[in-house]
N, C-alpha and C. Protein backbone atom coordinates (compact mmCIF):
# COMPACT_ATOMS: atom_id res chain seq x y z
N UNK A 1 26.35 35.21 -39.03
CA UNK A 1 27.55 34.56 -38.55
C UNK A 1 27.15 33.24 -37.90
N UNK A 2 27.86 32.19 -38.25
CA UNK A 2 27.61 30.88 -37.67
C UNK A 2 28.42 30.70 -36.41
N UNK A 3 27.82 30.03 -35.44
CA UNK A 3 28.54 29.68 -34.22
C UNK A 3 29.15 28.31 -34.41
N UNK A 4 30.32 28.11 -33.84
CA UNK A 4 31.02 26.84 -33.96
C UNK A 4 31.36 26.37 -32.55
N UNK A 5 30.80 25.23 -32.15
CA UNK A 5 31.05 24.67 -30.83
C UNK A 5 32.13 23.61 -30.95
N UNK A 6 33.19 23.77 -30.20
CA UNK A 6 34.30 22.81 -30.18
C UNK A 6 34.37 22.19 -28.79
N UNK A 7 34.25 20.87 -28.73
CA UNK A 7 34.25 20.15 -27.46
C UNK A 7 35.52 19.32 -27.37
N UNK A 8 36.19 19.44 -26.24
CA UNK A 8 37.44 18.72 -26.03
C UNK A 8 37.51 18.34 -24.56
N UNK A 9 38.00 17.14 -24.24
CA UNK A 9 38.12 16.77 -22.82
C UNK A 9 38.96 17.78 -22.04
N UNK A 10 40.13 18.13 -22.54
CA UNK A 10 40.96 19.18 -21.97
C UNK A 10 42.07 19.48 -22.97
N UNK A 11 42.75 20.60 -22.77
CA UNK A 11 43.80 21.00 -23.70
C UNK A 11 45.15 20.66 -23.09
N UNK A 12 45.66 19.48 -23.44
CA UNK A 12 46.97 19.05 -22.98
C UNK A 12 47.95 19.20 -24.14
N UNK A 13 49.11 18.65 -24.02
CA UNK A 13 50.15 18.86 -25.02
C UNK A 13 50.20 17.87 -26.16
N UNK A 14 49.14 17.08 -26.35
CA UNK A 14 49.15 16.09 -27.42
C UNK A 14 49.00 16.70 -28.80
N UNK A 15 49.20 15.87 -29.82
CA UNK A 15 49.14 16.33 -31.20
C UNK A 15 47.77 16.85 -31.60
N UNK A 16 46.71 16.16 -31.20
CA UNK A 16 45.35 16.60 -31.54
C UNK A 16 45.05 17.95 -30.89
N UNK A 17 45.52 18.13 -29.67
CA UNK A 17 45.28 19.38 -28.97
C UNK A 17 46.07 20.53 -29.62
N UNK A 18 47.29 20.24 -30.06
CA UNK A 18 48.08 21.27 -30.75
C UNK A 18 47.40 21.67 -32.05
N UNK A 19 46.86 20.67 -32.78
CA UNK A 19 46.11 20.95 -34.01
C UNK A 19 44.90 21.82 -33.68
N UNK A 20 44.19 21.47 -32.60
CA UNK A 20 43.01 22.20 -32.16
C UNK A 20 43.34 23.67 -31.92
N UNK A 21 44.45 23.93 -31.22
CA UNK A 21 44.86 25.31 -30.94
C UNK A 21 45.21 26.06 -32.22
N UNK A 22 45.90 25.40 -33.13
CA UNK A 22 46.24 26.02 -34.42
C UNK A 22 44.97 26.31 -35.21
N UNK A 23 44.04 25.37 -35.20
CA UNK A 23 42.77 25.54 -35.88
C UNK A 23 42.04 26.77 -35.34
N UNK A 24 41.97 26.91 -34.00
CA UNK A 24 41.28 28.05 -33.41
C UNK A 24 41.93 29.38 -33.79
N UNK A 25 43.23 29.38 -33.95
CA UNK A 25 43.93 30.60 -34.32
C UNK A 25 43.68 30.98 -35.78
N UNK A 26 43.27 30.01 -36.60
CA UNK A 26 43.08 30.24 -38.03
C UNK A 26 41.61 30.45 -38.42
N UNK A 27 40.68 30.30 -37.49
CA UNK A 27 39.26 30.43 -37.80
C UNK A 27 38.96 31.86 -38.25
N UNK A 28 38.20 31.98 -39.34
CA UNK A 28 37.78 33.29 -39.85
C UNK A 28 36.64 33.80 -38.97
N UNK A 29 36.97 34.70 -38.05
CA UNK A 29 35.99 35.19 -37.08
C UNK A 29 34.96 36.14 -37.69
N UNK A 30 35.13 36.48 -38.97
CA UNK A 30 34.09 37.26 -39.63
C UNK A 30 32.96 36.34 -40.11
N UNK A 31 33.23 35.05 -40.19
CA UNK A 31 32.22 34.08 -40.62
C UNK A 31 31.74 33.17 -39.49
N UNK A 32 32.61 32.91 -38.51
CA UNK A 32 32.31 31.97 -37.45
C UNK A 32 32.60 32.58 -36.08
N UNK A 33 31.77 32.20 -35.11
CA UNK A 33 32.03 32.55 -33.72
C UNK A 33 32.36 31.25 -32.99
N UNK A 34 33.65 30.98 -32.78
CA UNK A 34 34.02 29.74 -32.10
C UNK A 34 33.75 29.82 -30.61
N UNK A 35 33.22 28.72 -30.07
CA UNK A 35 32.97 28.57 -28.65
C UNK A 35 33.61 27.25 -28.23
N UNK A 36 34.36 27.25 -27.14
CA UNK A 36 35.06 26.05 -26.68
C UNK A 36 34.40 25.54 -25.41
N UNK A 37 34.10 24.25 -25.38
CA UNK A 37 33.58 23.59 -24.18
C UNK A 37 34.60 22.53 -23.77
N UNK A 38 35.16 22.70 -22.58
CA UNK A 38 36.14 21.75 -22.06
C UNK A 38 35.52 20.95 -20.92
N UNK A 39 35.76 19.65 -20.89
CA UNK A 39 35.30 18.85 -19.77
C UNK A 39 36.06 19.27 -18.52
N UNK A 40 37.34 19.57 -18.69
CA UNK A 40 38.18 19.91 -17.55
C UNK A 40 39.17 21.00 -17.95
N UNK A 41 39.07 22.16 -17.30
CA UNK A 41 40.07 23.20 -17.53
C UNK A 41 41.36 22.83 -16.81
N UNK A 42 42.42 23.50 -17.14
CA UNK A 42 43.68 23.29 -16.45
C UNK A 42 44.54 22.23 -17.08
N UNK A 43 44.38 22.01 -18.38
CA UNK A 43 45.16 21.01 -19.07
C UNK A 43 46.57 21.46 -19.40
N UNK A 44 46.91 22.68 -19.07
CA UNK A 44 48.26 23.16 -19.29
C UNK A 44 48.39 24.10 -20.48
N UNK A 45 47.44 24.01 -21.43
CA UNK A 45 47.52 24.85 -22.62
C UNK A 45 46.28 25.72 -22.82
N UNK A 46 45.45 25.82 -21.78
CA UNK A 46 44.24 26.64 -21.87
C UNK A 46 44.57 28.09 -22.24
N UNK A 47 45.69 28.58 -21.76
CA UNK A 47 46.05 29.99 -22.00
C UNK A 47 46.39 30.24 -23.47
N UNK A 48 46.60 29.19 -24.25
CA UNK A 48 46.90 29.36 -25.67
C UNK A 48 45.64 29.48 -26.54
N UNK A 49 44.47 29.29 -25.94
CA UNK A 49 43.23 29.52 -26.67
C UNK A 49 43.10 31.03 -26.83
N UNK A 50 42.88 31.51 -28.06
CA UNK A 50 42.80 32.97 -28.28
C UNK A 50 41.80 33.62 -27.32
N UNK A 51 42.15 34.79 -26.82
CA UNK A 51 41.38 35.45 -25.76
C UNK A 51 39.98 35.86 -26.20
N UNK A 52 39.73 36.02 -27.49
CA UNK A 52 38.40 36.44 -27.94
C UNK A 52 37.40 35.27 -28.01
N UNK A 53 37.87 34.06 -27.74
CA UNK A 53 37.01 32.87 -27.82
C UNK A 53 36.46 32.54 -26.44
N UNK A 54 35.14 32.34 -26.37
CA UNK A 54 34.50 31.98 -25.11
C UNK A 54 34.86 30.54 -24.75
N UNK A 55 35.17 30.32 -23.47
CA UNK A 55 35.52 28.99 -22.98
C UNK A 55 34.55 28.63 -21.85
N UNK A 56 33.95 27.46 -21.96
CA UNK A 56 33.06 26.96 -20.92
C UNK A 56 33.60 25.64 -20.40
N UNK A 57 33.47 25.45 -19.10
CA UNK A 57 33.84 24.17 -18.51
C UNK A 57 32.56 23.40 -18.25
N UNK A 58 32.51 22.16 -18.74
CA UNK A 58 31.30 21.35 -18.61
C UNK A 58 31.33 20.64 -17.27
N UNK A 59 30.75 21.28 -16.27
CA UNK A 59 30.79 20.75 -14.91
C UNK A 59 29.45 20.21 -14.46
N UNK A 60 28.47 20.16 -15.36
CA UNK A 60 27.14 19.70 -14.98
C UNK A 60 27.18 18.25 -14.52
N UNK A 61 26.29 17.91 -13.64
CA UNK A 61 26.19 16.54 -13.13
C UNK A 61 26.00 15.58 -14.31
N UNK A 62 26.76 14.51 -14.34
CA UNK A 62 26.60 13.50 -15.37
C UNK A 62 27.50 13.69 -16.58
N UNK A 63 28.17 14.83 -16.70
CA UNK A 63 29.09 15.03 -17.82
C UNK A 63 30.49 14.82 -17.27
N UNK A 64 31.19 13.87 -17.85
CA UNK A 64 32.54 13.57 -17.38
C UNK A 64 33.41 13.14 -18.53
N UNK A 65 34.67 12.94 -18.25
CA UNK A 65 35.59 12.48 -19.29
C UNK A 65 35.21 11.08 -19.76
N UNK A 66 34.49 10.31 -18.95
CA UNK A 66 34.07 8.98 -19.37
C UNK A 66 33.11 9.06 -20.55
N UNK A 67 32.29 10.09 -20.59
CA UNK A 67 31.34 10.25 -21.69
C UNK A 67 32.08 10.55 -22.98
N UNK A 68 33.12 11.38 -22.91
CA UNK A 68 33.85 11.77 -24.10
C UNK A 68 35.05 10.88 -24.40
N UNK A 69 35.32 9.91 -23.53
CA UNK A 69 36.48 9.04 -23.71
C UNK A 69 36.52 8.35 -25.07
N UNK A 70 35.39 7.89 -25.63
CA UNK A 70 35.46 7.24 -26.94
C UNK A 70 36.00 8.15 -28.04
N UNK A 71 35.96 9.46 -27.84
CA UNK A 71 36.51 10.38 -28.82
C UNK A 71 38.02 10.40 -28.79
N UNK A 72 38.61 9.88 -27.71
CA UNK A 72 40.06 9.96 -27.56
C UNK A 72 40.47 11.41 -27.48
N UNK A 73 41.62 11.74 -28.01
CA UNK A 73 42.07 13.13 -27.92
C UNK A 73 41.46 14.03 -28.98
N UNK A 74 40.64 13.46 -29.86
CA UNK A 74 40.05 14.26 -30.94
C UNK A 74 38.99 15.21 -30.39
N UNK A 75 38.81 16.29 -31.07
CA UNK A 75 37.77 17.24 -30.67
C UNK A 75 36.58 17.10 -31.61
N UNK A 76 35.44 17.55 -31.17
CA UNK A 76 34.23 17.55 -31.96
C UNK A 76 33.89 19.01 -32.23
N UNK A 77 33.84 19.39 -33.48
CA UNK A 77 33.52 20.77 -33.83
C UNK A 77 32.26 20.78 -34.67
N UNK A 78 31.30 21.57 -34.26
CA UNK A 78 30.05 21.71 -34.98
C UNK A 78 29.82 23.17 -35.29
N UNK A 79 29.31 23.44 -36.46
CA UNK A 79 28.91 24.80 -36.75
C UNK A 79 27.41 24.81 -36.93
N UNK A 80 26.76 25.86 -36.47
CA UNK A 80 25.32 25.93 -36.60
C UNK A 80 24.91 27.37 -36.80
N UNK A 81 23.85 27.53 -37.56
CA UNK A 81 23.34 28.87 -37.83
C UNK A 81 22.32 29.23 -36.77
N UNK A 82 21.96 30.50 -36.72
CA UNK A 82 21.02 30.98 -35.73
C UNK A 82 19.69 30.27 -35.84
N UNK A 83 19.23 30.02 -37.06
CA UNK A 83 17.95 29.35 -37.24
C UNK A 83 18.08 27.83 -37.25
N UNK A 84 19.31 27.34 -37.11
CA UNK A 84 19.62 25.91 -37.00
C UNK A 84 19.17 25.13 -38.23
N UNK A 85 19.15 25.76 -39.40
CA UNK A 85 18.75 25.06 -40.61
C UNK A 85 19.91 24.34 -41.27
N UNK A 86 21.13 24.66 -40.86
CA UNK A 86 22.30 24.07 -41.50
C UNK A 86 23.30 23.61 -40.46
N UNK A 87 23.50 22.32 -40.36
CA UNK A 87 24.51 21.77 -39.45
C UNK A 87 25.60 21.12 -40.28
N UNK A 88 26.81 21.60 -40.13
CA UNK A 88 27.93 21.04 -40.86
C UNK A 88 29.06 20.80 -39.90
N UNK A 89 29.76 19.68 -40.07
CA UNK A 89 30.91 19.39 -39.22
C UNK A 89 32.15 19.96 -39.85
């Protein structure tokens, strides 16, 4: 099973965020293990992330919305295998 890391500044009510939530609901969990990393929890729609998906808040020193600002509201999703031989976006 491949793990899929999805990074988003926060889950607010914008179009990209709504797409992100729909995408998470449609992921084939028999093939992928989605993991969500949010810069800031409490965007108003966090509760709509399916309960079986792990959510991490990136609170480490030096990680802020300024770092991810160039991404705008888009999310970055990466899938990786256990042996890390295959990286696909």
